Amino acid sequence: MDKIQEFLLDYIQREYSLPEDVDFVTFNYVESGYIDSMGLVQFIATIEDEFGIEFADEDLENPKIHVIGGLIDFIKSKMDGELSGG
């Protein structure tokens, strides 16, 4: 497990306690009701602080970030500078 996945898993389990049998990488934590819109804003702010990246407003509307695997890829690409905020 890489650092990003470990951080996200720890955060979500600490705040929301996932079921044991969930496939973490494909889990849609928004549709499943684990994180509401206010929780998502707080979650994103925590991610920004942890990894030194910034999400643009349009990034928050991207359904890819509602799935853990997609969010991991998104964070990695932000860290690599492949996506520009703005």
PDB file of N, CA and C in Angstrom:
ATOM      1  N   MET A   1       0.853  -1.187   0.000  1.00  0.00           N
ATOM      2  CA  MET A   1       0.000   0.000   0.000  1.00  0.00           C
ATOM      3  C   MET A   1       0.890   1.238   0.000  1.00  0.00           C
ATOM      4  N   ASP A   2       0.604   2.160  -0.915  1.00  0.00           N
ATOM      5  CA  ASP A   2       1.445   3.350  -0.961  1.00  0.00           C
ATOM      6  C   ASP A   2       0.970   4.400   0.052  1.00  0.00           C
ATOM      7  N   LYS A   3       1.748   5.455   0.175  1.00  0.00           N
ATOM      8  CA  LYS A   3       1.499   6.477   1.187  1.00  0.00           C
ATOM      9  C   LYS A   3       0.141   7.151   1.011  1.00  0.00           C
ATOM     10  N   ILE A   4      -0.230   7.428  -0.233  1.00  0.00           N
ATOM     11  CA  ILE A   4      -1.497   8.109  -0.496  1.00  0.00           C
ATOM     12  C   ILE A   4      -2.662   7.207  -0.095  1.00  0.00           C
ATOM     13  N   GLN A   5      -2.634   5.975  -0.564  1.00  0.00           N
ATOM     14  CA  GLN A   5      -3.718   5.046  -0.240  1.00  0.00           C
ATOM     15  C   GLN A   5      -3.810   4.827   1.266  1.00  0.00           C
ATOM     16  N   GLU A   6      -2.679   4.684   1.899  1.00  0.00           N
ATOM     17  CA  GLU A   6      -2.656   4.485   3.346  1.00  0.00           C
ATOM     18  C   GLU A   6      -3.265   5.682   4.079  1.00  0.00           C
ATOM     19  N   PHE A   7      -2.906   6.890   3.645  1.00  0.00           N
ATOM     20  CA  PHE A   7      -3.448   8.106   4.263  1.00  0.00           C
ATOM     21  C   PHE A   7      -4.965   8.168   4.091  1.00  0.00           C
ATOM     22  N   LEU A   8      -5.450   7.922   2.858  1.00  0.00           N
ATOM     23  CA  LEU A   8      -6.881   8.009   2.589  1.00  0.00           C
ATOM     24  C   LEU A   8      -7.657   6.955   3.370  1.00  0.00           C
ATOM     25  N   LEU A   9      -7.153   5.742   3.381  1.00  0.00           N
ATOM     26  CA  LEU A   9      -7.804   4.665   4.116  1.00  0.00           C
ATOM     27  C   LEU A   9      -7.870   4.992   5.605  1.00  0.00           C
ATOM     28  N   ASP A  10      -6.770   5.467   6.149  1.00  0.00           N
ATOM     29  CA  ASP A  10      -6.723   5.820   7.563  1.00  0.00           C
ATOM     30  C   ASP A  10      -7.721   6.924   7.876  1.00  0.00           C
ATOM     31  N   TYR A  11      -7.760   7.950   7.030  1.00  0.00           N
ATOM     32  CA  TYR A  11      -8.666   9.081   7.260  1.00  0.00           C
ATOM     33  C   TYR A  11     -10.123   8.619   7.227  1.00  0.00           C
ATOM     34  N   ILE A  12     -10.484   7.896   6.176  1.00  0.00           N
ATOM     35  CA  ILE A  12     -11.878   7.488   6.027  1.00  0.00           C
ATOM     36  C   ILE A  12     -12.286   6.517   7.126  1.00  0.00           C
ATOM     37  N   GLN A  13     -11.416   5.581   7.473  1.00  0.00           N
ATOM     38  CA  GLN A  13     -11.765   4.646   8.545  1.00  0.00           C
ATOM     39  C   GLN A  13     -11.845   5.341   9.898  1.00  0.00           C
ATOM     40  N   ARG A  14     -10.981   6.302  10.116  1.00  0.00           N
ATOM     41  CA  ARG A  14     -11.002   7.029  11.388  1.00  0.00           C
ATOM     42  C   ARG A  14     -12.277   7.864  11.511  1.00  0.00           C
ATOM     43  N   GLU A  15     -12.675   8.516  10.416  1.00  0.00           N
ATOM     44  CA  GLU A  15     -13.827   9.403  10.451  1.00  0.00           C
ATOM     45  C   GLU A  15     -15.153   8.672  10.252  1.00  0.00           C
ATOM     46  N   TYR A  16     -15.150   7.607   9.452  1.00  0.00           N
ATOM     47  CA  TYR A  16     -16.416   7.047   8.999  1.00  0.00           C
ATOM     48  C   TYR A  16     -16.577   5.545   9.174  1.00  0.00           C
ATOM     49  N   SER A  17     -15.570   4.818   9.528  1.00  0.00           N
ATOM     50  CA  SER A  17     -15.569   3.365   9.709  1.00  0.00           C
ATOM     51  C   SER A  17     -16.239   2.585   8.574  1.00  0.00           C
ATOM     52  N   LEU A  18     -15.407   2.156   7.641  1.00  0.00           N
ATOM     53  CA  LEU A  18     -15.854   1.389   6.489  1.00  0.00           C
ATOM     54  C   LEU A  18     -16.163  -0.053   6.879  1.00  0.00           C
ATOM     55  N   PRO A  19     -17.086  -0.693   6.138  1.00  0.00           N
ATOM     56  CA  PRO A  19     -17.313  -2.120   6.375  1.00  0.00           C
ATOM     57  C   PRO A  19     -16.065  -2.919   6.031  1.00  0.00           C
ATOM     58  N   GLU A  20     -15.881  -4.027   6.687  1.00  0.00           N
ATOM     59  CA  GLU A  20     -14.692  -4.868   6.499  1.00  0.00           C
ATOM     60  C   GLU A  20     -14.537  -5.379   5.075  1.00  0.00           C
ATOM     61  N   ASP A  21     -15.648  -5.708   4.418  1.00  0.00           N
ATOM     62  CA  ASP A  21     -15.592  -6.377   3.126  1.00  0.00           C
ATOM     63  C   ASP A  21     -15.562  -5.435   1.923  1.00  0.00           C
ATOM     64  N   VAL A  22     -15.445  -4.141   2.147  1.00  0.00           N
ATOM     65  CA  VAL A  22     -15.471  -3.182   1.044  1.00  0.00           C
ATOM     66  C   VAL A  22     -14.165  -3.232   0.242  1.00  0.00           C
ATOM     67  N   ASP A  23     -14.289  -3.128  -1.090  1.00  0.00           N
ATOM     68  CA  ASP A  23     -13.105  -2.998  -1.944  1.00  0.00           C
ATOM     69  C   ASP A  23     -12.720  -1.528  -1.930  1.00  0.00           C
ATOM     70  N   PHE A  24     -11.712  -1.215  -1.165  1.00  0.00           N
ATOM     71  CA  PHE A  24     -11.339   0.173  -0.905  1.00  0.00           C
ATOM     72  C   PHE A  24     -11.070   0.960  -2.179  1.00  0.00           C
ATOM     73  N   VAL A  25     -10.379   0.380  -3.143  1.00  0.00           N
ATOM     74  CA  VAL A  25      -9.970   1.104  -4.346  1.00  0.00           C
ATOM     75  C   VAL A  25     -11.163   1.489  -5.217  1.00  0.00           C
ATOM     76  N   THR A  26     -12.198   0.645  -5.269  1.00  0.00           N
ATOM     77  CA  THR A  26     -13.349   0.945  -6.118  1.00  0.00           C
ATOM     78  C   THR A  26     -14.513   1.540  -5.330  1.00  0.00           C
ATOM     79  N   PHE A  27     -14.326   1.771  -4.049  1.00  0.00           N
ATOM     80  CA  PHE A  27     -15.389   2.268  -3.179  1.00  0.00           C
ATOM     81  C   PHE A  27     -15.712   3.729  -3.487  1.00  0.00           C
ATOM     82  N   ASN A  28     -17.004   4.000  -3.782  1.00  0.00           N
ATOM     83  CA  ASN A  28     -17.465   5.372  -3.997  1.00  0.00           C
ATOM     84  C   ASN A  28     -17.985   5.883  -2.659  1.00  0.00           C
ATOM     85  N   TYR A  29     -17.150   6.627  -1.966  1.00  0.00           N
ATOM     86  CA  TYR A  29     -17.477   7.063  -0.610  1.00  0.00           C
ATOM     87  C   TYR A  29     -18.516   8.171  -0.589  1.00  0.00           C
ATOM     88  N   VAL A  30     -18.734   8.852  -1.720  1.00  0.00           N
ATOM     89  CA  VAL A  30     -19.755   9.902  -1.777  1.00  0.00           C
ATOM     90  C   VAL A  30     -21.130   9.279  -2.026  1.00  0.00           C
ATOM     91  N   GLU A  31     -21.247   8.477  -3.103  1.00  0.00           N
ATOM     92  CA  GLU A  31     -22.521   7.829  -3.413  1.00  0.00           C
ATOM     93  C   GLU A  31     -22.980   6.919  -2.279  1.00  0.00           C
ATOM     94  N   SER A  32     -22.040   6.316  -1.586  1.00  0.00           N
ATOM     95  CA  SER A  32     -22.386   5.412  -0.491  1.00  0.00           C
ATOM     96  C   SER A  32     -22.840   6.161   0.756  1.00  0.00           C
ATOM     97  N   GLY A  33     -22.708   7.470   0.742  1.00  0.00           N
ATOM     98  CA  GLY A  33     -23.172   8.272   1.858  1.00  0.00           C
ATOM     99  C   GLY A  33     -22.200   8.380   3.017  1.00  0.00           C
ATOM    100  N   TYR A  34     -20.973   7.930   2.818  1.00  0.00           N
ATOM    101  CA  TYR A  34     -19.989   8.021   3.900  1.00  0.00           C
ATOM    102  C   TYR A  34     -19.516   9.445   4.127  1.00  0.00           C
ATOM    103  N   ILE A  35     -19.420  10.204   3.041  1.00  0.00           N
ATOM    104  CA  ILE A  35     -18.962  11.588   3.150  1.00  0.00           C
ATOM    105  C   ILE A  35     -19.957  12.468   2.409  1.00  0.00           C
ATOM    106  N   ASP A  36     -20.535  13.439   3.099  1.00  0.00           N
ATOM    107  CA  ASP A  36     -21.453  14.376   2.455  1.00  0.00           C
ATOM    108  C   ASP A  36     -20.659  15.550   1.882  1.00  0.00           C
ATOM    109  N   SER A  37     -21.352  16.530   1.327  1.00  0.00           N
ATOM    110  CA  SER A  37     -20.643  17.624   0.652  1.00  0.00           C
ATOM    111  C   SER A  37     -19.739  18.414   1.599  1.00  0.00           C
ATOM    112  N   MET A  38     -20.186  18.644   2.817  1.00  0.00           N
ATOM    113  CA  MET A  38     -19.331  19.359   3.775  1.00  0.00           C
ATOM    114  C   MET A  38     -18.155  18.493   4.203  1.00  0.00           C
ATOM    115  N   GLY A  39     -18.403  17.208   4.384  1.00  0.00           N
ATOM    116  CA  GLY A  39     -17.328  16.294   4.728  1.00  0.00           C
ATOM    117  C   GLY A  39     -16.305  16.194   3.617  1.00  0.00           C
ATOM    118  N   LEU A  40     -16.797  16.257   2.356  1.00  0.00           N
ATOM    119  CA  LEU A  40     -15.894  16.188   1.210  1.00  0.00           C
ATOM    120  C   LEU A  40     -14.968  17.398   1.184  1.00  0.00           C
ATOM    121  N   VAL A  41     -15.512  18.574   1.461  1.00  0.00           N
ATOM    122  CA  VAL A  41     -14.685  19.791   1.492  1.00  0.00           C
ATOM    123  C   VAL A  41     -13.596  19.659   2.555  1.00  0.00           C
ATOM    124  N   GLN A  42     -13.961  19.160   3.725  1.00  0.00           N
ATOM    125  CA  GLN A  42     -12.984  18.970   4.806  1.00  0.00           C
ATOM    126  C   GLN A  42     -11.942  17.917   4.418  1.00  0.00           C
ATOM    127  N   PHE A  43     -12.403  16.842   3.803  1.00  0.00           N
ATOM    128  CA  PHE A  43     -11.524  15.762   3.351  1.00  0.00           C
ATOM    129  C   PHE A  43     -10.509  16.299   2.341  1.00  0.00           C
ATOM    130  N   ILE A  44     -10.991  17.068   1.360  1.00  0.00           N
ATOM    131  CA  ILE A  44     -10.116  17.634   0.328  1.00  0.00           C
ATOM    132  C   ILE A  44      -9.106  18.595   0.955  1.00  0.00           C
ATOM    133  N   ALA A  45      -9.562  19.415   1.900  1.00  0.00           N
ATOM    134  CA  ALA A  45      -8.651  20.350   2.580  1.00  0.00           C
ATOM    135  C   ALA A  45      -7.554  19.580   3.324  1.00  0.00           C
ATOM    136  N   THR A  46      -7.912  18.479   3.948  1.00  0.00           N
ATOM    137  CA  THR A  46      -6.936  17.643   4.653  1.00  0.00           C
ATOM    138  C   THR A  46      -5.930  17.053   3.668  1.00  0.00           C
ATOM    139  N   ILE A  47      -6.427  16.587   2.516  1.00  0.00           N
ATOM    140  CA  ILE A  47      -5.554  16.036   1.468  1.00  0.00           C
ATOM    141  C   ILE A  47      -4.607  17.117   0.948  1.00  0.00           C
ATOM    142  N   GLU A  48      -5.131  18.308   0.714  1.00  0.00           N
ATOM    143  CA  GLU A  48      -4.296  19.411   0.224  1.00  0.00           C
ATOM    144  C   GLU A  48      -3.159  19.707   1.201  1.00  0.00           C
ATOM    145  N   ASP A  49      -3.486  19.754   2.488  1.00  0.00           N
ATOM    146  CA  ASP A  49      -2.467  20.019   3.508  1.00  0.00           C
ATOM    147  C   ASP A  49      -1.435  18.898   3.580  1.00  0.00           C
ATOM    148  N   GLU A  50      -1.904  17.668   3.524  1.00  0.00           N
ATOM    149  CA  GLU A  50      -1.023  16.506   3.665  1.00  0.00           C
ATOM    150  C   GLU A  50      -0.039  16.378   2.507  1.00  0.00           C
ATOM    151  N   PHE A  51      -0.510  16.633   1.290  1.00  0.00           N
ATOM    152  CA  PHE A  51       0.307  16.363   0.107  1.00  0.00           C
ATOM    153  C   PHE A  51       0.798  17.612  -0.611  1.00  0.00           C
ATOM    154  N   GLY A  52       0.471  18.792  -0.080  1.00  0.00           N
ATOM    155  CA  GLY A  52       0.968  20.035  -0.668  1.00  0.00           C
ATOM    156  C   GLY A  52       0.444  20.283  -2.074  1.00  0.00           C
ATOM    157  N   ILE A  53      -0.805  19.928  -2.293  1.00  0.00           N
ATOM    158  CA  ILE A  53      -1.417  20.157  -3.603  1.00  0.00           C
ATOM    159  C   ILE A  53      -2.647  21.038  -3.423  1.00  0.00           C
ATOM    160  N   GLU A  54      -3.216  21.477  -4.535  1.00  0.00           N
ATOM    161  CA  GLU A  54      -4.404  22.314  -4.475  1.00  0.00           C
ATOM    162  C   GLU A  54      -5.423  21.825  -5.485  1.00  0.00           C
ATOM    163  N   PHE A  55      -6.646  21.675  -5.034  1.00  0.00           N
ATOM    164  CA  PHE A  55      -7.746  21.288  -5.904  1.00  0.00           C
ATOM    165  C   PHE A  55      -8.443  22.550  -6.397  1.00  0.00           C
ATOM    166  N   ALA A  56      -8.678  22.645  -7.692  1.00  0.00           N
ATOM    167  CA  ALA A  56      -9.461  23.738  -8.261  1.00  0.00           C
ATOM    168  C   ALA A  56     -10.943  23.413  -8.074  1.00  0.00           C
ATOM    169  N   ASP A  57     -11.796  24.419  -8.200  1.00  0.00           N
ATOM    170  CA  ASP A  57     -13.232  24.196  -8.040  1.00  0.00           C
ATOM    171  C   ASP A  57     -13.751  23.113  -8.974  1.00  0.00           C
ATOM    172  N   GLU A  58     -13.279  23.127 -10.224  1.00  0.00           N
ATOM    173  CA  GLU A  58     -13.749  22.113 -11.176  1.00  0.00           C
ATOM    174  C   GLU A  58     -13.275  20.706 -10.800  1.00  0.00           C
ATOM    175  N   ASP A  59     -12.149  20.620 -10.091  1.00  0.00           N
ATOM    176  CA  ASP A  59     -11.666  19.315  -9.621  1.00  0.00           C
ATOM    177  C   ASP A  59     -12.670  18.676  -8.666  1.00  0.00           C
ATOM    178  N   LEU A  60     -13.309  19.506  -7.840  1.00  0.00           N
ATOM    179  CA  LEU A  60     -14.251  19.001  -6.849  1.00  0.00           C
ATOM    180  C   LEU A  60     -15.525  18.450  -7.501  1.00  0.00           C
ATOM    181  N   GLU A  61     -15.793  18.868  -8.734  1.00  0.00           N
ATOM    182  CA  GLU A  61     -16.970  18.393  -9.457  1.00  0.00           C
ATOM    183  C   GLU A  61     -16.667  17.125 -10.263  1.00  0.00           C
ATOM    184  N   ASN A  62     -15.404  16.715 -10.301  1.00  0.00           N
ATOM    185  CA  ASN A  62     -14.995  15.546 -11.065  1.00  0.00           C
ATOM    186  C   ASN A  62     -15.430  14.281 -10.324  1.00  0.00           C
ATOM    187  N   PRO A  63     -16.338  13.472 -10.928  1.00  0.00           N
ATOM    188  CA  PRO A  63     -16.800  12.266 -10.225  1.00  0.00           C
ATOM    189  C   PRO A  63     -15.687  11.254  -9.961  1.00  0.00           C
ATOM    190  N   LYS A  64     -14.575  11.366 -10.678  1.00  0.00           N
ATOM    191  CA  LYS A  64     -13.443  10.456 -10.469  1.00  0.00           C
ATOM    192  C   LYS A  64     -12.944  10.506  -9.027  1.00  0.00           C
ATOM    193  N   ILE A  65     -12.986  11.672  -8.409  1.00  0.00           N
ATOM    194  CA  ILE A  65     -12.456  11.796  -7.049  1.00  0.00           C
ATOM    195  C   ILE A  65     -13.403  11.252  -5.989  1.00  0.00           C
ATOM    196  N   HIS A  66     -14.600  10.826  -6.387  1.00  0.00           N
ATOM    197  CA  HIS A  66     -15.541  10.243  -5.435  1.00  0.00           C
ATOM    198  C   HIS A  66     -15.277   8.759  -5.208  1.00  0.00           C
ATOM    199  N   VAL A  67     -14.396   8.189  -6.022  1.00  0.00           N
ATOM    200  CA  VAL A  67     -13.982   6.797  -5.887  1.00  0.00           C
ATOM    201  C   VAL A  67     -12.531   6.813  -5.396  1.00  0.00           C
ATOM    202  N   ILE A  68     -12.232   6.029  -4.385  1.00  0.00           N
ATOM    203  CA  ILE A  68     -10.909   6.077  -3.762  1.00  0.00           C
ATOM    204  C   ILE A  68      -9.778   5.865  -4.773  1.00  0.00           C
ATOM    205  N   GLY A  69      -9.915   4.862  -5.635  1.00  0.00           N
ATOM    206  CA  GLY A  69      -8.871   4.611  -6.634  1.00  0.00           C
ATOM    207  C   GLY A  69      -8.670   5.811  -7.553  1.00  0.00           C
ATOM    208  N   GLY A  70      -9.763   6.436  -7.956  1.00  0.00           N
ATOM    209  CA  GLY A  70      -9.682   7.623  -8.796  1.00  0.00           C
ATOM    210  C   GLY A  70      -9.046   8.787  -8.058  1.00  0.00           C
ATOM    211  N   LEU A  71      -9.381   8.915  -6.791  1.00  0.00           N
ATOM    212  CA  LEU A  71      -8.798   9.980  -5.971  1.00  0.00           C
ATOM    213  C   LEU A  71      -7.296   9.772  -5.808  1.00  0.00           C
ATOM    214  N   ILE A  72      -6.872   8.538  -5.615  1.00  0.00           N
ATOM    215  CA  ILE A  72      -5.438   8.242  -5.503  1.00  0.00           C
ATOM    216  C   ILE A  72      -4.717   8.661  -6.780  1.00  0.00           C
ATOM    217  N   ASP A  73      -5.271   8.255  -7.934  1.00  0.00           N
ATOM    218  CA  ASP A  73      -4.666   8.629  -9.217  1.00  0.00           C
ATOM    219  C   ASP A  73      -4.644  10.136  -9.388  1.00  0.00           C
ATOM    220  N   PHE A  74      -5.721  10.782  -8.978  1.00  0.00           N
ATOM    221  CA  PHE A  74      -5.839  12.233  -9.110  1.00  0.00           C
ATOM    222  C   PHE A  74      -4.770  12.941  -8.270  1.00  0.00           C
ATOM    223  N   ILE A  75      -4.607  12.492  -7.034  1.00  0.00           N
ATOM    224  CA  ILE A  75      -3.597  13.085  -6.150  1.00  0.00           C
ATOM    225  C   ILE A  75      -2.206  12.881  -6.736  1.00  0.00           C
ATOM    226  N   LYS A  76      -1.925  11.668  -7.216  1.00  0.00           N
ATOM    227  CA  LYS A  76      -0.613  11.395  -7.803  1.00  0.00           C
ATOM    228  C   LYS A  76      -0.345  12.305  -8.992  1.00  0.00           C
ATOM    229  N   SER A  77      -1.347  12.500  -9.846  1.00  0.00           N
ATOM    230  CA  SER A  77      -1.143  13.346 -11.010  1.00  0.00           C
ATOM    231  C   SER A  77      -0.977  14.811 -10.601  1.00  0.00           C
ATOM    232  N   LYS A  78      -1.671  15.234  -9.568  1.00  0.00           N
ATOM    233  CA  LYS A  78      -1.484  16.599  -9.045  1.00  0.00           C
ATOM    234  C   LYS A  78      -0.053  16.763  -8.519  1.00  0.00           C
ATOM    235  N   MET A  79       0.417  15.752  -7.801  1.00  0.00           N
ATOM    236  CA  MET A  79       1.766  15.815  -7.239  1.00  0.00           C
ATOM    237  C   MET A  79       2.816  15.800  -8.335  1.00  0.00           C
ATOM    238  N   ASP A  80       2.518  15.097  -9.425  1.00  0.00           N
ATOM    239  CA  ASP A  80       3.444  15.042 -10.553  1.00  0.00           C
ATOM    240  C   ASP A  80       3.341  16.257 -11.458  1.00  0.00           C
ATOM    241  N   GLY A  81       2.366  17.126 -11.182  1.00  0.00           N
ATOM    242  CA  GLY A  81       2.207  18.336 -11.980  1.00  0.00           C
ATOM    243  C   GLY A  81       1.516  18.114 -13.301  1.00  0.00           C
ATOM    244  N   GLU A  82       0.873  16.942 -13.454  1.00  0.00           N
ATOM    245  CA  GLU A  82       0.195  16.654 -14.716  1.00  0.00           C
ATOM    246  C   GLU A  82      -1.095  17.457 -14.846  1.00  0.00           C
ATOM    247  N   LEU A  83      -1.731  17.765 -13.741  1.00  0.00           N
ATOM    248  CA  LEU A  83      -2.959  18.547 -13.765  1.00  0.00           C
ATOM    249  C   LEU A  83      -2.672  19.903 -13.152  1.00  0.00           C
ATOM    250  N   SER A  84      -3.188  20.937 -13.746  1.00  0.00           N
ATOM    251  CA  SER A  84      -2.991  22.264 -13.172  1.00  0.00           C
ATOM    252  C   SER A  84      -4.298  22.773 -12.614  1.00  0.00           C
ATOM    253  N   GLY A  85      -4.241  23.306 -11.427  1.00  0.00           N
ATOM    254  CA  GLY A  85      -5.424  23.885 -10.816  1.00  0.00           C
ATOM    255  C   GLY A  85      -5.666  25.260 -11.401  1.00  0.00           C
ATOM    256  N   GLY A  86      -6.900  25.765 -11.204  1.00  0.00           N
ATOM    257  CA  GLY A  86      -7.032  27.104 -11.638  1.00  0.00           C
ATOM    258  C   GLY A  86      -8.285  27.519 -12.090  1.00  0.00           C
TER     259      GLY A  86
END
